[in-house]
Amino acid sequence: QVQLVESGGGLVQPEGSLRLSCAASGNIFNTDTMGWYRQAPGKQRELVATIDIGGTTNYKVSVKGRFTISRDNARNIALQMSSLKLEDTALYFCNLHRVAVITRDYWGQGTQVTVSS
């Protein structure tokens, strides 16, 4: 089994910064992709950024240049968020995506990011 634990959310003013962290435990494969998704009230969950073990990243267009995803080993990722906007307010989820015999996604419990003046 895989467990993901997020930390680092909170309340920040527009143009402020926050750093989210996610620690994975359990059986982790080097082929697993990890990333961040978010869900705002009344909206669908959406991809924010992903990173594979080789460091290849993928970002939602609206966060490019403001957010940076990093991975220090197979288990830990972070999301550095800068120049935060009101529309970045959401519940942010850590994700582990595994492509094996069975493709499966694992999710953390979520951490709230609120951007407000």
N, C-alpha and C. Protein backbone atom coordinates (compact mmCIF):
# COMPACT_ATOMS: atom_id res chain seq x y z
N GLN A 1 0.83 -1.20 0.00
CA GLN A 1 0.00 0.00 0.00
C GLN A 1 0.86 1.25 0.00
N VAL A 2 0.29 2.32 -0.48
CA VAL A 2 0.96 3.61 -0.53
C VAL A 2 0.17 4.62 0.28
N GLN A 3 0.86 5.40 1.07
CA GLN A 3 0.22 6.49 1.80
C GLN A 3 0.94 7.78 1.47
N LEU A 4 0.17 8.84 1.28
CA LEU A 4 0.70 10.15 0.95
C LEU A 4 0.23 11.14 2.01
N VAL A 5 1.17 11.91 2.53
CA VAL A 5 0.85 12.89 3.57
C VAL A 5 1.34 14.25 3.12
N GLU A 6 0.38 15.18 3.00
CA GLU A 6 0.73 16.54 2.58
C GLU A 6 0.89 17.45 3.79
N SER A 7 1.64 18.53 3.59
CA SER A 7 1.77 19.55 4.61
C SER A 7 2.09 20.88 3.93
N GLY A 8 1.86 21.97 4.66
CA GLY A 8 2.31 23.27 4.17
C GLY A 8 1.25 24.21 3.67
N GLY A 9 -0.01 23.81 3.67
CA GLY A 9 -1.04 24.73 3.21
C GLY A 9 -1.28 25.84 4.22
N GLY A 10 -2.14 26.79 3.84
CA GLY A 10 -2.46 27.87 4.75
C GLY A 10 -3.10 29.04 4.05
N LEU A 11 -3.15 30.15 4.77
CA LEU A 11 -3.73 31.39 4.27
C LEU A 11 -2.61 32.34 3.88
N VAL A 12 -2.72 32.91 2.68
CA VAL A 12 -1.68 33.81 2.20
C VAL A 12 -2.34 34.93 1.41
N GLN A 13 -1.72 36.08 1.40
CA GLN A 13 -2.24 37.21 0.63
C GLN A 13 -1.86 37.07 -0.84
N PRO A 14 -2.60 37.73 -1.71
CA PRO A 14 -2.23 37.71 -3.13
C PRO A 14 -0.79 38.17 -3.32
N GLU A 15 -0.12 37.52 -4.26
CA GLU A 15 1.30 37.75 -4.56
C GLU A 15 2.24 37.12 -3.51
N GLY A 16 1.67 36.45 -2.52
CA GLY A 16 2.49 35.76 -1.54
C GLY A 16 2.97 34.41 -2.02
N SER A 17 3.68 33.70 -1.12
CA SER A 17 4.26 32.40 -1.46
C SER A 17 3.92 31.37 -0.40
N LEU A 18 3.85 30.13 -0.85
CA LEU A 18 3.66 28.98 0.05
C LEU A 18 4.42 27.81 -0.54
N ARG A 19 4.80 26.90 0.34
CA ARG A 19 5.48 25.67 -0.10
C ARG A 19 4.72 24.48 0.44
N LEU A 20 4.31 23.61 -0.45
CA LEU A 20 3.64 22.37 -0.06
C LEU A 20 4.64 21.22 -0.15
N SER A 21 4.50 20.28 0.77
CA SER A 21 5.34 19.09 0.77
C SER A 21 4.47 17.85 0.82
N CYS A 22 5.00 16.77 0.25
CA CYS A 22 4.29 15.49 0.28
C CYS A 22 5.30 14.38 0.51
N ALA A 23 5.01 13.53 1.49
CA ALA A 23 5.87 12.39 1.78
C ALA A 23 5.09 11.11 1.52
N ALA A 24 5.70 10.23 0.72
CA ALA A 24 5.08 8.95 0.41
C ALA A 24 5.71 7.85 1.24
N SER A 25 4.89 6.94 1.70
CA SER A 25 5.39 5.77 2.42
C SER A 25 4.76 4.53 1.80
N GLY A 26 5.39 3.39 2.09
CA GLY A 26 4.90 2.14 1.53
C GLY A 26 5.78 1.70 0.38
N ASN A 27 5.20 0.92 -0.51
CA ASN A 27 5.93 0.33 -1.62
C ASN A 27 5.95 1.32 -2.80
N ILE A 28 7.05 2.03 -2.97
CA ILE A 28 7.19 3.04 -4.01
C ILE A 28 8.11 2.51 -5.11
N PHE A 29 7.71 2.69 -6.36
CA PHE A 29 8.52 2.26 -7.49
C PHE A 29 9.20 3.47 -8.12
N ASN A 30 10.35 3.25 -8.70
CA ASN A 30 11.06 4.34 -9.38
C ASN A 30 10.33 4.81 -10.63
N THR A 31 9.41 4.03 -11.10
CA THR A 31 8.64 4.42 -12.29
C THR A 31 7.40 5.22 -11.95
N ASP A 32 7.12 5.41 -10.65
CA ASP A 32 5.94 6.17 -10.24
C ASP A 32 6.12 7.64 -10.54
N THR A 33 5.09 8.25 -11.10
CA THR A 33 5.05 9.70 -11.26
C THR A 33 4.30 10.30 -10.09
N MET A 34 4.81 11.40 -9.56
CA MET A 34 4.12 12.07 -8.46
C MET A 34 3.74 13.47 -8.88
N GLY A 35 2.76 14.02 -8.21
CA GLY A 35 2.33 15.36 -8.60
C GLY A 35 1.33 15.97 -7.66
N TRP A 36 0.85 17.12 -8.06
CA TRP A 36 -0.13 17.88 -7.30
C TRP A 36 -1.36 18.17 -8.16
N TYR A 37 -2.51 17.99 -7.57
CA TYR A 37 -3.78 18.35 -8.17
C TYR A 37 -4.48 19.29 -7.20
N ARG A 38 -5.49 19.99 -7.68
CA ARG A 38 -6.25 20.86 -6.80
C ARG A 38 -7.72 20.84 -7.18
N GLN A 39 -8.53 21.15 -6.19
CA GLN A 39 -9.97 21.20 -6.42
C GLN A 39 -10.55 22.38 -5.67
N ALA A 40 -11.13 23.29 -6.42
CA ALA A 40 -11.81 24.44 -5.83
C ALA A 40 -13.28 24.10 -5.63
N PRO A 41 -13.96 24.78 -4.72
CA PRO A 41 -15.38 24.49 -4.48
C PRO A 41 -16.20 24.59 -5.75
N GLY A 42 -16.98 23.56 -6.00
CA GLY A 42 -17.85 23.56 -7.18
C GLY A 42 -17.16 23.25 -8.48
N LYS A 43 -15.87 22.91 -8.43
CA LYS A 43 -15.13 22.63 -9.65
C LYS A 43 -14.54 21.23 -9.61
N GLN A 44 -14.15 20.75 -10.78
CA GLN A 44 -13.51 19.45 -10.85
C GLN A 44 -12.06 19.52 -10.40
N ARG A 45 -11.55 18.38 -9.96
CA ARG A 45 -10.14 18.31 -9.62
C ARG A 45 -9.32 18.48 -10.89
N GLU A 46 -8.23 19.26 -10.79
CA GLU A 46 -7.41 19.53 -11.96
C GLU A 46 -5.93 19.34 -11.66
N LEU A 47 -5.19 18.99 -12.69
CA LEU A 47 -3.75 18.81 -12.56
C LEU A 47 -3.08 20.16 -12.37
N VAL A 48 -2.13 20.21 -11.45
CA VAL A 48 -1.33 21.41 -11.24
C VAL A 48 0.08 21.19 -11.80
N ALA A 49 0.71 20.11 -11.36
CA ALA A 49 2.07 19.82 -11.80
C ALA A 49 2.40 18.37 -11.49
N THR A 50 3.23 17.77 -12.35
CA THR A 50 3.71 16.41 -12.09
C THR A 50 5.21 16.34 -12.34
N ILE A 51 5.82 15.31 -11.76
CA ILE A 51 7.26 15.11 -11.94
C ILE A 51 7.55 13.63 -11.86
N ASP A 52 8.42 13.15 -12.78
CA ASP A 52 8.80 11.75 -12.70
C ASP A 52 10.15 11.63 -12.00
N ILE A 53 10.62 10.39 -11.84
CA ILE A 53 11.85 10.17 -11.08
C ILE A 53 13.05 10.78 -11.78
N GLY A 54 12.96 10.97 -13.09
CA GLY A 54 14.06 11.58 -13.83
C GLY A 54 14.04 13.09 -13.80
N GLY A 55 12.99 13.67 -13.18
CA GLY A 55 12.89 15.11 -13.07
C GLY A 55 12.10 15.79 -14.17
N THR A 56 11.52 15.02 -15.07
CA THR A 56 10.69 15.62 -16.11
C THR A 56 9.40 16.14 -15.50
N THR A 57 9.08 17.41 -15.79
CA THR A 57 7.93 18.05 -15.18
C THR A 57 6.87 18.41 -16.20
N ASN A 58 5.68 18.59 -15.70
CA ASN A 58 4.54 19.02 -16.50
C ASN A 58 3.70 19.95 -15.65
N TYR A 59 3.30 21.10 -16.20
CA TYR A 59 2.57 22.10 -15.43
C TYR A 59 1.28 22.50 -16.11
N LYS A 60 0.30 22.83 -15.31
CA LYS A 60 -0.88 23.53 -15.79
C LYS A 60 -0.41 24.88 -16.32
N VAL A 61 -0.96 25.28 -17.46
CA VAL A 61 -0.47 26.48 -18.12
C VAL A 61 -0.51 27.71 -17.21
N SER A 62 -1.59 27.83 -16.44
CA SER A 62 -1.77 29.04 -15.64
C SER A 62 -0.82 29.14 -14.46
N VAL A 63 -0.10 28.08 -14.14
CA VAL A 63 0.84 28.15 -13.00
C VAL A 63 2.29 28.18 -13.46
N LYS A 64 2.51 27.98 -14.75
CA LYS A 64 3.89 28.01 -15.26
C LYS A 64 4.56 29.34 -14.95
N GLY A 65 5.79 29.26 -14.47
CA GLY A 65 6.51 30.47 -14.12
C GLY A 65 6.23 30.95 -12.71
N ARG A 66 5.19 30.42 -12.09
CA ARG A 66 4.86 30.81 -10.71
C ARG A 66 5.06 29.64 -9.73
N PHE A 67 4.81 28.45 -10.18
CA PHE A 67 4.93 27.26 -9.33
C PHE A 67 6.11 26.42 -9.82
N THR A 68 6.78 25.78 -8.88
CA THR A 68 7.87 24.88 -9.20
C THR A 68 7.71 23.59 -8.42
N ILE A 69 7.66 22.47 -9.14
CA ILE A 69 7.58 21.18 -8.48
C ILE A 69 8.98 20.58 -8.42
N SER A 70 9.28 19.91 -7.32
CA SER A 70 10.58 19.28 -7.16
C SER A 70 10.41 17.92 -6.49
N ARG A 71 11.42 17.09 -6.68
CA ARG A 71 11.37 15.74 -6.12
C ARG A 71 12.78 15.40 -5.67
N ASP A 72 12.96 15.08 -4.39
CA ASP A 72 14.32 14.86 -3.91
C ASP A 72 14.69 13.39 -3.87
N ASN A 73 13.70 12.52 -4.00
CA ASN A 73 13.96 11.09 -4.13
C ASN A 73 12.67 10.46 -4.64
N ALA A 74 12.56 9.15 -4.54
CA ALA A 74 11.36 8.52 -5.06
C ALA A 74 10.13 8.81 -4.22
N ARG A 75 10.35 9.35 -3.00
CA ARG A 75 9.24 9.43 -2.04
C ARG A 75 8.75 10.83 -1.70
N ASN A 76 9.56 11.85 -1.89
CA ASN A 76 9.21 13.18 -1.42
C ASN A 76 9.15 14.18 -2.56
N ILE A 77 8.05 14.93 -2.61
CA ILE A 77 7.94 16.02 -3.58
C ILE A 77 7.53 17.29 -2.86
N ALA A 78 7.75 18.41 -3.53
CA ALA A 78 7.34 19.70 -2.98
C ALA A 78 6.79 20.56 -4.12
N LEU A 79 5.99 21.53 -3.75
CA LEU A 79 5.47 22.50 -4.70
C LEU A 79 5.71 23.88 -4.13
N GLN A 80 6.62 24.61 -4.73
CA GLN A 80 6.88 25.99 -4.34
C GLN A 80 5.96 26.89 -5.15
N MET A 81 5.10 27.61 -4.46
CA MET A 81 4.13 28.46 -5.13
C MET A 81 4.44 29.92 -4.83
N SER A 82 4.58 30.71 -5.88
CA SER A 82 4.88 32.13 -5.74
C SER A 82 3.87 32.94 -6.54
N SER A 83 3.82 34.23 -6.26
CA SER A 83 2.89 35.11 -6.96
C SER A 83 1.48 34.54 -6.97
N LEU A 84 1.05 34.09 -5.80
CA LEU A 84 -0.24 33.43 -5.70
C LEU A 84 -1.38 34.39 -6.03
N LYS A 85 -2.41 33.84 -6.67
CA LYS A 85 -3.58 34.60 -7.08
C LYS A 85 -4.81 34.07 -6.36
N LEU A 86 -5.84 34.88 -6.36
CA LEU A 86 -7.08 34.47 -5.70
C LEU A 86 -7.58 33.14 -6.28
N GLU A 87 -7.40 32.97 -7.59
CA GLU A 87 -7.90 31.76 -8.24
C GLU A 87 -7.08 30.51 -7.95
N ASP A 88 -5.99 30.65 -7.21
CA ASP A 88 -5.22 29.48 -6.78
C ASP A 88 -5.81 28.85 -5.52
N THR A 89 -6.79 29.51 -4.94
CA THR A 89 -7.43 28.96 -3.75
C THR A 89 -8.10 27.64 -4.06
N ALA A 90 -7.73 26.60 -3.31
CA ALA A 90 -8.26 25.26 -3.55
C ALA A 90 -7.71 24.30 -2.50
N LEU A 91 -8.27 23.11 -2.51
CA LEU A 91 -7.72 22.01 -1.73
C LEU A 91 -6.71 21.30 -2.63
N TYR A 92 -5.47 21.23 -2.18
CA TYR A 92 -4.40 20.66 -3.00
C TYR A 92 -4.11 19.23 -2.54
N PHE A 93 -4.06 18.33 -3.52
CA PHE A 93 -3.86 16.91 -3.25
C PHE A 93 -2.54 16.44 -3.85
N CYS A 94 -1.83 15.66 -3.08
CA CYS A 94 -0.66 14.95 -3.59
C CYS A 94 -1.13 13.67 -4.28
N ASN A 95 -0.50 13.36 -5.39
CA ASN A 95 -0.89 12.19 -6.18
C ASN A 95 0.32 11.35 -6.54
N LEU A 96 0.13 10.04 -6.51
CA LEU A 96 1.13 9.11 -7.04
C LEU A 96 0.44 8.29 -8.11
N HIS A 97 0.99 8.33 -9.31
CA HIS A 97 0.41 7.63 -10.46
C HIS A 97 1.32 6.48 -10.85
N ARG A 98 0.75 5.28 -10.83
CA ARG A 98 1.54 4.08 -11.11
C ARG A 98 1.00 3.39 -12.36
N VAL A 99 1.90 3.18 -13.30
CA VAL A 99 1.56 2.41 -14.51
C VAL A 99 2.26 1.08 -14.40
N ALA A 100 1.50 0.03 -14.16
CA ALA A 100 2.06 -1.31 -14.01
C ALA A 100 1.09 -2.27 -14.70
N VAL A 101 1.01 -3.45 -14.19
CA VAL A 101 0.01 -4.38 -14.74
C VAL A 101 -1.36 -3.74 -14.62
N ILE A 102 -1.59 -3.07 -13.49
CA ILE A 102 -2.81 -2.30 -13.28
C ILE A 102 -2.40 -0.86 -13.03
N THR A 103 -2.97 0.06 -13.76
CA THR A 103 -2.71 1.47 -13.53
C THR A 103 -3.53 1.92 -12.33
N ARG A 104 -2.85 2.68 -11.43
CA ARG A 104 -3.55 3.07 -10.22
C ARG A 104 -3.07 4.43 -9.75
N ASP A 105 -3.98 5.18 -9.17
CA ASP A 105 -3.67 6.47 -8.57
C ASP A 105 -3.88 6.40 -7.07
N TYR A 106 -2.94 6.97 -6.35
CA TYR A 106 -3.04 7.11 -4.90
C TYR A 106 -3.14 8.61 -4.58
N TRP A 107 -3.88 8.93 -3.51
CA TRP A 107 -4.13 10.33 -3.16
C TRP A 107 -3.87 10.58 -1.69
N GLY A 108 -3.38 11.79 -1.41
CA GLY A 108 -3.30 12.23 -0.04
C GLY A 108 -4.64 12.79 0.41
N GLN A 109 -4.69 13.25 1.64
CA GLN A 109 -5.95 13.73 2.20
C GLN A 109 -6.24 15.17 1.79
N GLY A 110 -5.25 15.86 1.28
CA GLY A 110 -5.43 17.23 0.82
C GLY A 110 -4.99 18.25 1.85
N THR A 111 -4.52 19.39 1.36
CA THR A 111 -4.14 20.50 2.23
C THR A 111 -4.71 21.78 1.61
N GLN A 112 -5.33 22.60 2.45
CA GLN A 112 -6.04 23.78 1.95
C GLN A 112 -5.07 24.94 1.73
N VAL A 113 -5.21 25.55 0.55
CA VAL A 113 -4.50 26.78 0.24
C VAL A 113 -5.55 27.86 -0.02
N THR A 114 -5.49 28.92 0.77
CA THR A 114 -6.44 30.01 0.61
C THR A 114 -5.67 31.30 0.35
N VAL A 115 -5.97 31.93 -0.79
CA VAL A 115 -5.35 33.19 -1.15
C VAL A 115 -6.41 34.28 -0.99
N SER A 116 -6.16 35.18 -0.06
CA SER A 116 -7.16 36.20 0.25
C SER A 116 -6.48 37.43 0.83
N SER A 117 -7.04 38.59 0.50
CA SER A 117 -6.53 39.83 1.07
C SER A 117 -7.30 40.18 2.35
